Protein backbone atom coordinates (compact mmCIF):
# COMPACT_ATOMS: atom_id res chain seq x y z
CA MET A 1 14.46 14.76 11.05
CA ARG A 2 13.98 12.87 7.80
CA HIS A 3 16.17 9.85 8.45
CA ASN A 4 15.37 6.87 6.21
CA LYS A 5 12.35 8.60 4.60
CA LYS A 6 13.04 8.02 0.93
CA PHE A 7 9.52 8.17 -0.47
CA ASN A 8 8.84 11.08 -2.85
CA HIS A 9 5.59 12.75 -1.86
CA LEU A 10 5.29 14.61 -5.20
CA GLY A 11 3.77 17.66 -3.48
CA ARG A 12 0.47 15.86 -2.82
CA LYS A 13 -1.46 14.45 0.11
CA LYS A 14 -1.62 10.69 0.48
CA ALA A 15 -5.09 10.19 -1.04
CA HIS A 16 -4.30 12.39 -4.03
CA ARG A 17 -0.92 10.63 -4.57
CA ASP A 18 -2.43 7.14 -4.32
CA ALA A 19 -5.23 8.01 -6.78
CA MET A 20 -2.71 9.52 -9.22
CA LEU A 21 -0.34 6.50 -9.07
CA SER A 22 -3.29 4.11 -9.42
CA ASN A 23 -4.53 5.96 -12.52
CA MET A 24 -1.03 6.10 -13.99
CA THR A 25 -0.62 2.35 -13.40
CA ILE A 26 -3.91 1.68 -15.21
CA SER A 27 -2.74 3.83 -18.15
CA LEU A 28 0.62 2.03 -18.23
CA ILE A 29 -1.06 -1.37 -18.25
CA MET A 30 -3.57 -0.43 -20.94
CA HIS A 31 -1.27 1.57 -23.24
CA LYS A 32 2.11 -0.10 -22.41
CA ARG A 33 3.87 3.30 -22.54
CA ILE A 34 3.06 6.68 -21.05
CA ASN A 35 4.72 10.12 -21.09
CA THR A 36 5.26 11.83 -17.74
CA THR A 37 7.86 13.55 -15.61
CA VAL A 38 10.91 11.74 -14.27
CA ALA A 39 9.84 12.18 -10.62
CA LYS A 40 6.39 10.72 -11.26
CA ALA A 41 7.89 7.87 -13.34
CA LYS A 42 10.24 6.88 -10.53
CA ALA A 43 7.36 6.91 -8.02
CA LEU A 44 5.22 4.95 -10.47
CA ARG A 45 7.93 2.32 -10.86
CA ILE A 46 7.91 1.75 -7.08
CA PHE A 47 4.10 1.55 -7.08
CA ALA A 48 3.53 -0.52 -10.22
CA GLU A 49 6.23 -3.17 -10.20
CA PRO A 50 4.90 -5.10 -7.12
CA ILE A 51 1.43 -5.00 -8.70
CA ILE A 52 2.80 -6.37 -12.00
CA ASN A 53 4.74 -8.99 -10.11
CA ARG A 54 1.45 -10.27 -8.61
CA ALA A 55 0.24 -11.15 -12.10
CA LYS A 56 2.74 -14.05 -12.36
CA LYS A 57 0.55 -16.20 -10.14
CA ASP A 58 -3.01 -16.09 -11.44
CA ASP A 59 -5.29 -16.90 -8.52
CA MET A 60 -8.30 -15.23 -6.95
CA ALA A 61 -6.34 -13.75 -4.02
CA ASN A 62 -3.87 -11.96 -6.33
CA ARG A 63 -6.65 -10.70 -8.59
CA ARG A 64 -8.56 -9.27 -5.65
CA LEU A 65 -5.45 -7.66 -4.21
CA VAL A 66 -4.54 -6.05 -7.56
CA PHE A 67 -8.14 -4.89 -8.06
CA SER A 68 -8.06 -3.28 -4.59
CA TYR A 69 -5.18 -1.06 -5.81
CA LEU A 70 -6.38 -0.38 -9.36
CA GLN A 71 -10.21 -0.46 -9.21
CA ASN A 72 -10.43 -1.20 -12.96
CA LYS A 73 -11.64 -4.53 -14.28
CA GLU A 74 -10.23 -4.06 -17.79
CA ALA A 75 -6.75 -3.28 -16.48
CA VAL A 76 -6.79 -6.31 -14.18
CA LYS A 77 -7.92 -8.51 -17.07
CA GLU A 78 -5.14 -7.12 -19.34
CA LEU A 79 -2.56 -7.51 -16.58
CA PHE A 80 -3.38 -11.15 -15.78
CA GLY A 81 -3.88 -12.01 -19.45
CA VAL A 82 -1.55 -10.44 -21.95
CA ILE A 83 1.10 -8.99 -19.66
CA ALA A 84 1.40 -12.03 -17.41
CA ASP A 85 2.27 -14.25 -20.43
CA LYS A 86 5.17 -11.97 -21.42
CA ILE A 87 6.62 -11.43 -17.96
CA ALA A 88 6.41 -15.05 -16.79
CA ASP A 89 10.12 -15.73 -16.98
CA ARG A 90 11.37 -12.24 -16.08
CA PRO A 91 12.61 -12.00 -12.45
CA GLY A 92 11.92 -8.26 -12.08
CA GLY A 93 12.48 -4.93 -13.76
CA TYR A 94 9.24 -4.81 -15.71
CA THR A 95 9.43 -1.07 -16.54
CA ARG A 96 11.92 1.10 -18.34
CA ILE A 97 12.34 4.89 -18.06
CA LEU A 98 13.60 6.73 -21.17
CA LYS A 99 14.35 10.41 -20.62
CA THR A 100 13.09 12.75 -23.37
CA GLY A 101 14.37 16.14 -22.28
CA ASN A 102 12.81 19.12 -20.57
CA ARG A 103 9.25 20.40 -20.97
CA LEU A 104 8.93 23.85 -22.56
CA GLY A 105 6.46 25.37 -20.08
CA ASP A 106 8.08 24.65 -16.72
CA ASN A 107 11.40 23.03 -17.72
CA ALA A 108 10.45 19.80 -15.94
CA GLU A 109 12.37 16.66 -16.91
CA THR A 110 10.08 14.48 -18.97
CA CYS A 111 10.36 10.80 -19.88
CA PHE A 112 8.57 7.75 -21.24
CA ILE A 113 7.90 4.91 -18.87
CA GLU A 114 7.10 1.66 -20.61
CA LEU A 115 6.73 -2.01 -20.07
CA VAL A 116 10.00 -3.65 -21.08
CA ASP A 117 8.62 -6.68 -23.00
CA PHE A 118 6.28 -4.56 -25.16
CA ASN A 119 8.71 -2.27 -26.98
CA GLU A 120 9.16 -3.96 -30.40
CA ALA A 121 11.89 -1.53 -31.52
CA MET A 122 14.14 -2.41 -28.55
CA LEU A 123 13.44 -6.16 -29.00
CA LYS A 124 14.49 -5.96 -32.70
CA GLU A 125 17.74 -4.25 -31.81
CA LYS A 126 18.61 -7.05 -29.40
CA THR A 127 18.08 -9.77 -32.04
CA GLU A 128 20.09 -7.86 -34.69
CA LYS A 129 23.14 -7.30 -32.52
CA LYS A 130 23.85 -11.02 -32.02
CA ALA A 131 26.41 -11.25 -34.85
CA PRO A 132 29.26 -8.78 -34.18
CA LYS A 133 31.67 -8.20 -37.02
CA THR A 134 35.43 -8.07 -36.62
CA ARG A 135 37.38 -5.42 -38.39
CA ARG A 136 40.48 -7.44 -39.35
CA SER A 137 38.93 -10.47 -40.96
CA ARG A 138 38.88 -10.67 -44.76
CA SER A 139 35.66 -10.97 -46.58
CA LYS A 140 34.99 -14.53 -47.76
CA LYS A 141 33.34 -13.15 -50.88
CA ALA A 142 36.45 -11.15 -51.86
CA ALA A 143 38.91 -14.08 -51.52
CA PRO A 144 37.29 -16.43 -54.11
CA ALA A 145 36.68 -13.51 -56.45
CA ALA A 146 40.44 -12.71 -56.46
CA GLU A 147 41.32 -16.37 -57.20
CA ALA A 148 38.84 -16.80 -60.02
CA PRO A 149 40.58 -14.37 -62.51
CA ALA A 150 43.95 -16.03 -61.75
CA GLU A 151 42.60 -19.43 -62.82
CA THR A 152 41.23 -18.15 -66.09
CA ALA A 153 44.56 -16.48 -66.94
CA GLU A 154 46.37 -19.83 -66.96
């Protein structure tokens, strides 16, 4: 019986799955966004977010623990340097999955998985949406323009 066994094995043995998720995490850290299938992205989110969370506290123990998972000095340096600065105040949810449709060859659901604080397009949309417009209010430019010709007619 499979009671309470929620982990997706992705059709791979443990060593292959761990190597794949480690390599995908390195790619995500270095490139900030990768294209993959939805199943792999969901498994990657479970694997990568605790590793990214370790970067908040920069000490030797956390660096060694993260290196034991990733085995890549450049990725560890990037994670504890650039990424740690941006995620310092975020309580969790460091990745975002954006579905992109189905792949032509095997009809697999594909998606982008990206680090949330590194998508400039999404960050611009948040800052632009701060001033909502109401539909019923009159334009302040139109009101003085209507009064100005009335004063000249007198």
